[in-house]
Each structure stands twice: as structure tokens, then as C-alpha cells.
Amino acid sequence: MPVDVIDVEPVLPDDDLGLDEHARQRIRRLPPEVGAVFLAVGVVGVIIPGPIGAPFLLAGGLVLMPNVFDRFERWIEKQMPSVHGIGMRNVNRFIDNFEKRFPRKSPPNS
């Protein structure tokens, strides 16, 4: 039986929301399984040299434990705004790619 899939395009932020707030909302709407993938990518990114690991650890924490990691994420945004912006762009790009590869299935018609 064929399954209908929704064509996913990158979602642009509303005019009244900033890019960072838009990224926060996208991250919070992700299922917990994607949060586990973010944590795994973050751990690999920390082990392998490069700055890619920390944003994904933070995004995984925001998906799995939003109340705890929200304060930490806002603190990083205030302390290091340029690093935070780069990290959020990387996470947004990863989410776009992830949604293209694994589109959400449309709900069954009742």
C-alpha cells in the first residue's frame, strides 16, 4: 500500500520572529528520536576536532529536555552571539537536510 508523503521545503522564519527564535521553535517540534540523533552527532563532533559538536549537543538537549537546556542556550546566545548564530545555522541546515531525506508521513485519512 503506497504511503503519501509531504514534500518538505526549508521553512523561512516569519517576519516578526528572528532566525534564532525560528530555529528554537523548529528544534522544539522535533521528535525525541531526532534529539537522540543530534546528541550522537554532537558527541562525534566533539571527539573529532572541529566546532560542529557543541551546537548539536545543545540542539539534542533542547529536543529532549527543553526546560533545562533553554536557559543554557540563551546564556550562550548572550555570551557568544556570533558562535551561537553559526551553530544555529548549522543545526537549521541539518534539519532541512534531515527533513528532505526522511519526510514526515501524512496522517492517515479517517
C-alpha atoms as a PDB file:
ATOM      1  CA  MET A   1       0.000   0.000   0.000  1.00  0.00           C
ATOM      2  CA  PRO A   2       1.584   3.324  -1.042  1.00  0.00           C
ATOM      3  CA  VAL A   3       2.237   5.919   1.633  1.00  0.00           C
ATOM      4  CA  ASP A   4       1.610   9.595   0.980  1.00  0.00           C
ATOM      5  CA  VAL A   5       4.490  11.833   1.962  1.00  0.00           C
ATOM      6  CA  ILE A   6       4.530  15.558   2.456  1.00  0.00           C
ATOM      7  CA  ASP A   7       7.011  17.456   0.305  1.00  0.00           C
ATOM      8  CA  VAL A   8       9.207  19.389   2.716  1.00  0.00           C
ATOM      9  CA  GLU A   9      10.863  22.651   1.757  1.00  0.00           C
ATOM     10  CA  PRO A  10      13.081  24.728   4.037  1.00  0.00           C
ATOM     11  CA  VAL A  11      10.837  26.828   6.233  1.00  0.00           C
ATOM     12  CA  LEU A  12      11.669  30.510   6.316  1.00  0.00           C
ATOM     13  CA  PRO A  13      11.124  32.469   9.526  1.00  0.00           C
ATOM     14  CA  ASP A  14       8.172  34.803   9.956  1.00  0.00           C
ATOM     15  CA  ASP A  15       8.946  38.495   9.682  1.00  0.00           C
ATOM     16  CA  ASP A  16       8.244  39.112  13.373  1.00  0.00           C
ATOM     17  CA  LEU A  17      10.493  36.269  14.586  1.00  0.00           C
ATOM     18  CA  GLY A  18      14.251  36.276  14.345  1.00  0.00           C
ATOM     19  CA  LEU A  19      16.175  33.416  12.790  1.00  0.00           C
ATOM     20  CA  ASP A  20      17.311  32.174  16.205  1.00  0.00           C
ATOM     21  CA  GLU A  21      13.781  32.076  17.628  1.00  0.00           C
ATOM     22  CA  HIS A  22      12.579  30.334  14.481  1.00  0.00           C
ATOM     23  CA  ALA A  23      15.325  27.727  14.880  1.00  0.00           C
ATOM     24  CA  ARG A  24      14.371  27.228  18.555  1.00  0.00           C
ATOM     25  CA  GLN A  25      10.764  26.565  17.571  1.00  0.00           C
ATOM     26  CA  ARG A  26      11.816  24.093  14.859  1.00  0.00           C
ATOM     27  CA  ILE A  27      14.081  22.253  17.295  1.00  0.00           C
ATOM     28  CA  ARG A  28      11.359  22.015  19.950  1.00  0.00           C
ATOM     29  CA  ARG A  29       8.889  20.489  17.456  1.00  0.00           C
ATOM     30  CA  LEU A  30      11.246  17.652  16.541  1.00  0.00           C
ATOM     31  CA  PRO A  31      10.512  14.138  17.804  1.00  0.00           C
ATOM     32  CA  PRO A  32      12.738  12.683  20.556  1.00  0.00           C
ATOM     33  CA  GLU A  33      14.373  10.302  18.080  1.00  0.00           C
ATOM     34  CA  VAL A  34      15.855  13.263  16.216  1.00  0.00           C
ATOM     35  CA  GLY A  35      17.092  14.612  19.550  1.00  0.00           C
ATOM     36  CA  ALA A  36      18.987  11.350  20.051  1.00  0.00           C
ATOM     37  CA  VAL A  37      20.495  11.734  16.558  1.00  0.00           C
ATOM     38  CA  PHE A  38      21.551  15.293  17.439  1.00  0.00           C
ATOM     39  CA  LEU A  39      23.239  14.053  20.612  1.00  0.00           C
ATOM     40  CA  ALA A  40      25.066  11.325  18.672  1.00  0.00           C
ATOM     41  CA  VAL A  41      26.242  13.811  16.025  1.00  0.00           C
ATOM     42  CA  GLY A  42      27.306  16.176  18.812  1.00  0.00           C
ATOM     43  CA  VAL A  43      29.364  13.506  20.584  1.00  0.00           C
ATOM     44  CA  VAL A  44      31.081  12.559  17.317  1.00  0.00           C
ATOM     45  CA  GLY A  45      31.661  16.258  16.610  1.00  0.00           C
ATOM     46  CA  VAL A  46      33.318  16.729  19.993  1.00  0.00           C
ATOM     47  CA  ILE A  47      35.544  13.670  19.547  1.00  0.00           C
ATOM     48  CA  ILE A  48      36.580  14.630  16.011  1.00  0.00           C
ATOM     49  CA  PRO A  49      38.287  18.049  16.057  1.00  0.00           C
ATOM     50  CA  GLY A  50      36.095  20.899  14.963  1.00  0.00           C
ATOM     51  CA  PRO A  51      33.421  23.233  16.310  1.00  0.00           C
ATOM     52  CA  ILE A  52      30.467  21.225  14.941  1.00  0.00           C
ATOM     53  CA  GLY A  53      29.819  19.106  18.050  1.00  0.00           C
ATOM     54  CA  ALA A  54      28.674  21.669  20.594  1.00  0.00           C
ATOM     55  CA  PRO A  55      25.685  23.068  18.628  1.00  0.00           C
ATOM     56  CA  PHE A  56      24.327  19.578  18.062  1.00  0.00           C
ATOM     57  CA  LEU A  57      24.751  18.631  21.726  1.00  0.00           C
ATOM     58  CA  LEU A  58      22.798  21.763  22.601  1.00  0.00           C
ATOM     59  CA  ALA A  59      20.104  21.058  19.980  1.00  0.00           C
ATOM     60  CA  GLY A  60      19.743  17.467  21.202  1.00  0.00           C
ATOM     61  CA  GLY A  61      19.354  18.756  24.732  1.00  0.00           C
ATOM     62  CA  LEU A  62      16.720  21.272  23.578  1.00  0.00           C
ATOM     63  CA  VAL A  63      14.739  18.470  21.933  1.00  0.00           C
ATOM     64  CA  LEU A  64      14.979  16.021  24.830  1.00  0.00           C
ATOM     65  CA  MET A  65      14.989  18.405  27.836  1.00  0.00           C
ATOM     66  CA  PRO A  66      13.792  21.837  26.678  1.00  0.00           C
ATOM     67  CA  ASN A  67      13.299  23.372  30.135  1.00  0.00           C
ATOM     68  CA  VAL A  68      16.864  22.610  31.225  1.00  0.00           C
ATOM     69  CA  PHE A  69      18.694  23.499  28.023  1.00  0.00           C
ATOM     70  CA  ASP A  70      16.678  26.614  27.144  1.00  0.00           C
ATOM     71  CA  ARG A  71      18.402  28.724  29.822  1.00  0.00           C
ATOM     72  CA  PHE A  72      21.822  27.387  28.824  1.00  0.00           C
ATOM     73  CA  GLU A  73      21.166  28.091  25.146  1.00  0.00           C
ATOM     74  CA  ARG A  74      20.074  31.674  25.878  1.00  0.00           C
ATOM     75  CA  TRP A  75      23.183  32.195  28.035  1.00  0.00           C
ATOM     76  CA  ILE A  76      25.396  31.064  25.126  1.00  0.00           C
ATOM     77  CA  GLU A  77      23.474  33.393  22.812  1.00  0.00           C
ATOM     78  CA  LYS A  78      24.239  36.358  25.109  1.00  0.00           C
ATOM     79  CA  GLN A  79      27.872  35.433  25.794  1.00  0.00           C
ATOM     80  CA  MET A  80      28.907  34.385  22.265  1.00  0.00           C
ATOM     81  CA  PRO A  81      26.357  35.686  19.727  1.00  0.00           C
ATOM     82  CA  SER A  82      28.455  35.016  16.621  1.00  0.00           C
ATOM     83  CA  VAL A  83      29.273  31.433  17.644  1.00  0.00           C
ATOM     84  CA  HIS A  84      25.631  30.887  18.578  1.00  0.00           C
ATOM     85  CA  GLY A  85      24.467  32.179  15.187  1.00  0.00           C
ATOM     86  CA  ILE A  86      26.869  29.907  13.306  1.00  0.00           C
ATOM     87  CA  GLY A  87      25.738  26.936  15.363  1.00  0.00           C
ATOM     88  CA  MET A  88      22.051  27.679  14.776  1.00  0.00           C
ATOM     89  CA  ARG A  89      22.656  27.957  11.029  1.00  0.00           C
ATOM     90  CA  ASN A  90      24.407  24.563  11.074  1.00  0.00           C
ATOM     91  CA  VAL A  91      21.542  22.993  13.004  1.00  0.00           C
ATOM     92  CA  ASN A  92      18.961  24.563  10.651  1.00  0.00           C
ATOM     93  CA  ARG A  93      20.839  23.220   7.647  1.00  0.00           C
ATOM     94  CA  PHE A  94      20.981  19.762   9.258  1.00  0.00           C
ATOM     95  CA  ILE A  95      17.224  19.836   9.973  1.00  0.00           C
ATOM     96  CA  ASP A  96      16.476  20.878   6.367  1.00  0.00           C
ATOM     97  CA  ASN A  97      18.609  18.036   5.039  1.00  0.00           C
ATOM     98  CA  PHE A  98      17.112  15.561   7.521  1.00  0.00           C
ATOM     99  CA  GLU A  99      13.541  16.511   6.532  1.00  0.00           C
ATOM    100  CA  LYS A 100      14.358  16.124   2.829  1.00  0.00           C
ATOM    101  CA  ARG A 101      15.836  12.667   3.368  1.00  0.00           C
ATOM    102  CA  PHE A 102      13.161  11.468   5.793  1.00  0.00           C
ATOM    103  CA  PRO A 103       9.941  13.362   5.043  1.00  0.00           C
ATOM    104  CA  ARG A 104       7.139  13.127   7.577  1.00  0.00           C
ATOM    105  CA  LYS A 105       4.312  10.876   6.548  1.00  0.00           C
ATOM    106  CA  SER A 106       0.923  12.427   6.076  1.00  0.00           C
ATOM    107  CA  PRO A 107      -1.659  11.419   8.672  1.00  0.00           C
ATOM    108  CA  PRO A 108      -3.968   8.608   7.573  1.00  0.00           C
ATOM    109  CA  ASN A 109      -7.415   9.665   6.373  1.00  0.00           C
ATOM    110  CA  SER A 110     -10.144   8.582   8.725  1.00  0.00           C
END
